[in-house]
Amino acid sequence: MAKKFDFNQIGKEMPYSVPQGFFNELENSISARLQIPAAESRPKRPSAVRILFRGLTAAAAVAAILATTHALWPNRQQQPSMTLEQAFANLDISDQEYLLDTYSDVSYISDQL
């Protein structure tokens, strides 16, 4: 092929055309054959009850999400902290002896105990 094919030369118009009202006639002829009444050309608007139902459903979904989040959220209350003496007293005797032997030369701990 000596010449490359270029899509930009074709343009954006459709190369095919349909007669005016073809699709409406097609719909009517199919409906007549199937004995179904033709659909209205104007789309139906949702009724006020349906709009209200959708709004209430959305509000209930948001409330359910908030309630679930609140119920599953961890409690952020701080536990009261212990003093060094209380923490040391909660240890086993062997752990207390190990800490005293290991850190006996540290001036801060030896002053506290």
N, C-alpha and C. Protein backbone atom coordinates (compact mmCIF):
# COMPACT_ATOMS: atom_id res chain seq x y z
N MET A 1 0.85 -1.19 0.00
CA MET A 1 0.00 0.00 0.00
C MET A 1 0.88 1.24 0.00
N ALA A 2 0.72 2.02 -1.00
CA ALA A 2 1.53 3.23 -1.13
C ALA A 2 1.00 4.34 -0.24
N LYS A 3 -0.34 4.39 -0.04
CA LYS A 3 -0.95 5.47 0.74
C LYS A 3 -1.48 4.90 2.06
N LYS A 4 -1.15 5.55 3.18
CA LYS A 4 -1.64 5.10 4.49
C LYS A 4 -3.06 5.60 4.69
N PHE A 5 -3.84 4.81 5.44
CA PHE A 5 -5.22 5.17 5.74
C PHE A 5 -5.22 6.16 6.89
N ASP A 6 -5.93 7.27 6.77
CA ASP A 6 -5.96 8.30 7.80
C ASP A 6 -7.41 8.55 8.22
N PHE A 7 -7.69 8.31 9.49
CA PHE A 7 -9.04 8.51 10.01
C PHE A 7 -9.42 9.98 10.06
N ASN A 8 -8.47 10.87 10.14
CA ASN A 8 -8.77 12.30 10.19
C ASN A 8 -9.39 12.80 8.89
N GLN A 9 -9.13 12.15 7.79
CA GLN A 9 -9.69 12.56 6.50
C GLN A 9 -11.15 12.14 6.36
N ILE A 10 -11.57 11.15 7.13
CA ILE A 10 -12.94 10.67 7.03
C ILE A 10 -13.92 11.66 7.63
N GLY A 11 -13.58 12.24 8.74
CA GLY A 11 -14.48 13.16 9.42
C GLY A 11 -15.29 12.44 10.49
N LYS A 12 -16.16 13.18 11.15
CA LYS A 12 -16.92 12.61 12.26
C LYS A 12 -18.38 12.39 11.92
N GLU A 13 -18.78 12.58 10.69
CA GLU A 13 -20.17 12.36 10.31
C GLU A 13 -20.41 10.89 10.03
N MET A 14 -21.62 10.45 10.32
CA MET A 14 -21.99 9.06 10.03
C MET A 14 -22.20 8.91 8.53
N PRO A 15 -21.68 7.85 7.96
CA PRO A 15 -21.85 7.66 6.50
C PRO A 15 -23.23 7.15 6.13
N TYR A 16 -24.05 6.77 7.11
CA TYR A 16 -25.37 6.21 6.83
C TYR A 16 -26.43 7.16 7.34
N SER A 17 -27.61 7.12 6.72
CA SER A 17 -28.72 7.95 7.18
C SER A 17 -29.96 7.07 7.25
N VAL A 18 -30.90 7.48 8.10
CA VAL A 18 -32.15 6.76 8.31
C VAL A 18 -33.29 7.71 7.96
N PRO A 19 -34.34 7.23 7.31
CA PRO A 19 -35.46 8.11 6.99
C PRO A 19 -36.08 8.73 8.25
N GLN A 20 -36.64 9.89 8.10
CA GLN A 20 -37.26 10.61 9.21
C GLN A 20 -38.39 9.77 9.81
N GLY A 21 -38.40 9.58 11.14
CA GLY A 21 -39.46 8.85 11.84
C GLY A 21 -39.36 7.35 11.70
N PHE A 22 -38.25 6.83 11.23
CA PHE A 22 -38.09 5.39 11.03
C PHE A 22 -38.21 4.61 12.34
N PHE A 23 -37.56 5.10 13.37
CA PHE A 23 -37.56 4.36 14.64
C PHE A 23 -38.92 4.39 15.31
N ASN A 24 -39.64 5.50 15.21
CA ASN A 24 -41.00 5.55 15.77
C ASN A 24 -41.92 4.57 15.05
N GLU A 25 -41.82 4.53 13.72
CA GLU A 25 -42.64 3.58 12.95
C GLU A 25 -42.25 2.14 13.27
N LEU A 26 -40.99 1.88 13.43
CA LEU A 26 -40.52 0.55 13.78
C LEU A 26 -41.09 0.11 15.13
N GLU A 27 -41.05 1.01 16.11
CA GLU A 27 -41.59 0.71 17.43
C GLU A 27 -43.09 0.44 17.35
N ASN A 28 -43.81 1.25 16.60
CA ASN A 28 -45.26 1.07 16.48
C ASN A 28 -45.60 -0.23 15.76
N SER A 29 -44.85 -0.58 14.72
CA SER A 29 -45.15 -1.81 13.99
C SER A 29 -44.85 -3.04 14.85
N ILE A 30 -43.79 -3.01 15.64
CA ILE A 30 -43.48 -4.14 16.53
C ILE A 30 -44.54 -4.24 17.62
N SER A 31 -44.96 -3.11 18.18
CA SER A 31 -46.00 -3.13 19.21
C SER A 31 -47.30 -3.66 18.65
N ALA A 32 -47.63 -3.30 17.40
CA ALA A 32 -48.87 -3.77 16.79
C ALA A 32 -48.82 -5.28 16.55
N ARG A 33 -47.68 -5.78 16.13
CA ARG A 33 -47.56 -7.23 15.91
C ARG A 33 -47.64 -8.01 17.21
N LEU A 34 -47.07 -7.47 18.26
CA LEU A 34 -47.09 -8.16 19.55
C LEU A 34 -48.33 -7.82 20.35
N GLN A 35 -49.16 -6.97 19.84
CA GLN A 35 -50.40 -6.51 20.48
C GLN A 35 -50.12 -5.87 21.83
N ILE A 36 -49.11 -5.03 21.85
CA ILE A 36 -48.75 -4.27 23.04
C ILE A 36 -49.04 -2.81 22.73
N PRO A 37 -49.67 -2.08 23.66
CA PRO A 37 -49.91 -0.66 23.39
C PRO A 37 -48.57 0.08 23.32
N ALA A 38 -48.49 1.02 22.38
CA ALA A 38 -47.26 1.79 22.18
C ALA A 38 -46.96 2.63 23.42
N ALA A 39 -45.70 2.78 23.72
CA ALA A 39 -45.28 3.56 24.89
C ALA A 39 -45.50 5.04 24.63
N GLU A 40 -45.70 5.78 25.71
CA GLU A 40 -45.86 7.22 25.58
C GLU A 40 -44.52 7.83 25.20
N SER A 41 -44.59 8.91 24.45
CA SER A 41 -43.36 9.56 24.03
C SER A 41 -42.72 10.36 25.16
N ARG A 42 -43.53 10.76 26.14
CA ARG A 42 -43.04 11.57 27.26
C ARG A 42 -42.72 10.65 28.42
N PRO A 43 -41.50 10.75 29.03
CA PRO A 43 -41.17 9.89 30.17
C PRO A 43 -42.00 10.27 31.39
N LYS A 44 -42.31 9.28 32.20
CA LYS A 44 -43.12 9.51 33.39
C LYS A 44 -42.27 10.14 34.49
N ARG A 45 -42.87 11.08 35.20
CA ARG A 45 -42.20 11.68 36.34
C ARG A 45 -42.47 10.83 37.57
N PRO A 46 -41.51 10.72 38.47
CA PRO A 46 -41.76 9.96 39.68
C PRO A 46 -42.78 10.70 40.55
N SER A 47 -43.63 9.94 41.19
CA SER A 47 -44.67 10.54 42.01
C SER A 47 -44.07 11.10 43.30
N ALA A 48 -44.85 11.92 43.99
CA ALA A 48 -44.39 12.54 45.23
C ALA A 48 -44.13 11.48 46.30
N VAL A 49 -44.94 10.42 46.31
CA VAL A 49 -44.75 9.35 47.28
C VAL A 49 -43.42 8.65 47.03
N ARG A 50 -43.11 8.40 45.76
CA ARG A 50 -41.86 7.73 45.43
C ARG A 50 -40.66 8.61 45.80
N ILE A 51 -40.76 9.92 45.56
CA ILE A 51 -39.68 10.84 45.92
C ILE A 51 -39.50 10.87 47.43
N LEU A 52 -40.62 10.91 48.17
CA LEU A 52 -40.57 10.91 49.63
C LEU A 52 -39.96 9.61 50.14
N PHE A 53 -40.33 8.48 49.53
CA PHE A 53 -39.80 7.18 49.93
C PHE A 53 -38.29 7.12 49.70
N ARG A 54 -37.84 7.65 48.57
CA ARG A 54 -36.40 7.65 48.29
C ARG A 54 -35.65 8.52 49.31
N GLY A 55 -36.21 9.66 49.65
CA GLY A 55 -35.58 10.54 50.64
C GLY A 55 -35.51 9.90 52.01
N LEU A 56 -36.61 9.27 52.43
CA LEU A 56 -36.62 8.61 53.73
C LEU A 56 -35.67 7.41 53.76
N THR A 57 -35.58 6.69 52.65
CA THR A 57 -34.65 5.56 52.58
C THR A 57 -33.21 6.04 52.70
N ALA A 58 -32.89 7.13 52.02
CA ALA A 58 -31.53 7.69 52.12
C ALA A 58 -31.23 8.16 53.54
N ALA A 59 -32.20 8.82 54.17
CA ALA A 59 -32.00 9.28 55.54
C ALA A 59 -31.83 8.11 56.51
N ALA A 60 -32.60 7.04 56.31
CA ALA A 60 -32.45 5.86 57.16
C ALA A 60 -31.10 5.20 56.97
N ALA A 61 -30.61 5.18 55.73
CA ALA A 61 -29.29 4.59 55.47
C ALA A 61 -28.19 5.40 56.15
N VAL A 62 -28.28 6.71 56.08
CA VAL A 62 -27.28 7.56 56.74
C VAL A 62 -27.35 7.37 58.26
N ALA A 63 -28.56 7.30 58.82
CA ALA A 63 -28.71 7.09 60.26
C ALA A 63 -28.15 5.73 60.68
N ALA A 64 -28.36 4.70 59.86
CA ALA A 64 -27.83 3.38 60.18
C ALA A 64 -26.30 3.37 60.15
N ILE A 65 -25.73 4.07 59.18
CA ILE A 65 -24.27 4.15 59.10
C ILE A 65 -23.71 4.88 60.31
N LEU A 66 -24.33 5.99 60.70
CA LEU A 66 -23.86 6.74 61.86
C LEU A 66 -24.00 5.94 63.14
N ALA A 67 -25.12 5.23 63.31
CA ALA A 67 -25.32 4.43 64.52
C ALA A 67 -24.31 3.28 64.60
N THR A 68 -24.05 2.64 63.47
CA THR A 68 -23.08 1.55 63.45
C THR A 68 -21.68 2.06 63.74
N THR A 69 -21.33 3.19 63.15
CA THR A 69 -20.01 3.77 63.39
C THR A 69 -19.85 4.16 64.85
N HIS A 70 -20.88 4.74 65.44
CA HIS A 70 -20.82 5.14 66.85
C HIS A 70 -20.71 3.92 67.76
N ALA A 71 -21.43 2.86 67.42
CA ALA A 71 -21.40 1.66 68.26
C ALA A 71 -20.07 0.93 68.17
N LEU A 72 -19.44 0.94 67.01
CA LEU A 72 -18.20 0.21 66.83
C LEU A 72 -16.95 1.05 67.08
N TRP A 73 -17.12 2.35 67.27
CA TRP A 73 -15.97 3.22 67.49
C TRP A 73 -15.35 2.91 68.85
N PRO A 74 -14.04 2.78 68.91
CA PRO A 74 -13.42 2.45 70.20
C PRO A 74 -13.60 3.58 71.20
N ASN A 75 -13.74 3.20 72.45
CA ASN A 75 -13.91 4.18 73.51
C ASN A 75 -12.59 4.90 73.73
N ARG A 76 -12.59 6.21 73.66
CA ARG A 76 -11.37 6.99 73.72
C ARG A 76 -11.05 7.50 75.13
N GLN A 77 -11.68 6.99 76.16
CA GLN A 77 -11.39 7.45 77.51
C GLN A 77 -10.03 6.92 77.94
N GLN A 78 -9.25 7.79 78.54
CA GLN A 78 -7.93 7.38 78.99
C GLN A 78 -8.05 6.63 80.30
N GLN A 79 -7.25 5.59 80.40
CA GLN A 79 -7.18 4.85 81.65
C GLN A 79 -6.30 5.64 82.62
N PRO A 80 -6.63 5.61 83.88
CA PRO A 80 -5.79 6.34 84.82
C PRO A 80 -4.39 5.73 84.85
N SER A 81 -3.39 6.59 84.83
CA SER A 81 -2.02 6.09 84.79
C SER A 81 -1.56 5.73 86.20
N MET A 82 -0.63 4.79 86.24
CA MET A 82 -0.09 4.33 87.52
C MET A 82 1.20 5.09 87.83
N THR A 83 1.47 5.17 89.07
CA THR A 83 2.76 5.72 89.48
C THR A 83 3.80 4.63 89.34
N LEU A 84 5.05 4.99 89.47
CA LEU A 84 6.14 4.04 89.34
C LEU A 84 6.07 2.99 90.44
N GLU A 85 5.71 3.41 91.64
CA GLU A 85 5.61 2.47 92.76
C GLU A 85 4.49 1.45 92.54
N GLN A 86 3.36 1.91 91.99
CA GLN A 86 2.24 0.99 91.72
C GLN A 86 2.61 -0.01 90.64
N ALA A 87 3.27 0.44 89.58
CA ALA A 87 3.68 -0.46 88.51
C ALA A 87 4.69 -1.47 89.02
N PHE A 88 5.62 -1.01 89.84
CA PHE A 88 6.63 -1.91 90.41
C PHE A 88 5.99 -2.94 91.34
N ALA A 89 4.99 -2.51 92.10
CA ALA A 89 4.31 -3.42 93.03
C ALA A 89 3.49 -4.48 92.29
N ASN A 90 3.06 -4.20 91.05
CA ASN A 90 2.27 -5.16 90.28
C ASN A 90 3.13 -6.27 89.67
N LEU A 91 4.46 -6.12 89.70
CA LEU A 91 5.35 -7.13 89.12
C LEU A 91 5.55 -8.30 90.08
N ASP A 92 5.94 -9.44 89.52
CA ASP A 92 6.31 -10.60 90.34
C ASP A 92 7.58 -10.26 91.12
N ILE A 93 7.81 -11.02 92.18
CA ILE A 93 9.00 -10.82 93.00
C ILE A 93 10.27 -11.03 92.17
N SER A 94 10.27 -12.03 91.30
CA SER A 94 11.46 -12.29 90.49
C SER A 94 11.72 -11.15 89.51
N ASP A 95 10.67 -10.58 88.95
CA ASP A 95 10.83 -9.44 88.05
C ASP A 95 11.33 -8.22 88.81
N GLN A 96 10.82 -8.02 90.01
CA GLN A 96 11.28 -6.90 90.83
C GLN A 96 12.77 -7.04 91.14
N GLU A 97 13.19 -8.25 91.51
CA GLU A 97 14.61 -8.48 91.83
C GLU A 97 15.48 -8.27 90.60
N TYR A 98 15.02 -8.72 89.44
CA TYR A 98 15.77 -8.55 88.20
C TYR A 98 15.96 -7.07 87.89
N LEU A 99 14.89 -6.29 88.01
CA LEU A 99 15.00 -4.86 87.75
C LEU A 99 15.92 -4.17 88.73
N LEU A 100 15.83 -4.56 90.01
CA LEU A 100 16.70 -3.94 91.01
C LEU A 100 18.16 -4.28 90.76
N ASP A 101 18.44 -5.53 90.39
CA ASP A 101 19.83 -5.92 90.11
C ASP A 101 20.34 -5.23 88.84
N THR A 102 19.51 -5.16 87.81
CA THR A 102 19.95 -4.60 86.53
C THR A 102 20.16 -3.10 86.60
N TYR A 103 19.26 -2.41 87.25
CA TYR A 103 19.29 -0.95 87.24
C TYR A 103 19.69 -0.36 88.59
N SER A 104 20.43 -1.10 89.40
CA SER A 104 20.81 -0.59 90.72
C SER A 104 21.78 0.58 90.63
N ASP A 105 22.56 0.65 89.57
CA ASP A 105 23.51 1.75 89.44
C ASP A 105 22.91 3.00 88.80
N VAL A 106 21.65 2.95 88.35
CA VAL A 106 21.00 4.11 87.77
C VAL A 106 20.48 4.97 88.91
N SER A 107 20.92 6.20 88.97
CA SER A 107 20.61 7.03 90.13
C SER A 107 19.12 7.36 90.25
N TYR A 108 18.43 7.55 89.11
CA TYR A 108 17.01 7.94 89.17
C TYR A 108 16.18 6.84 89.80
N ILE A 109 16.37 5.60 89.36
CA ILE A 109 15.56 4.49 89.87
C ILE A 109 15.91 4.18 91.32
N SER A 110 17.19 4.18 91.65
CA SER A 110 17.58 3.85 93.02
C SER A 110 17.08 4.91 93.99
N ASP A 111 16.92 6.17 93.53
CA ASP A 111 16.37 7.21 94.40
C ASP A 111 14.86 7.02 94.59
N GLN A 112 14.17 6.50 93.57
CA GLN A 112 12.72 6.35 93.65
C GLN A 112 12.33 5.15 94.50
N LEU A 113 13.12 4.08 94.50
CA LEU A 113 12.73 2.85 95.22
C LEU A 113 13.33 2.77 96.55
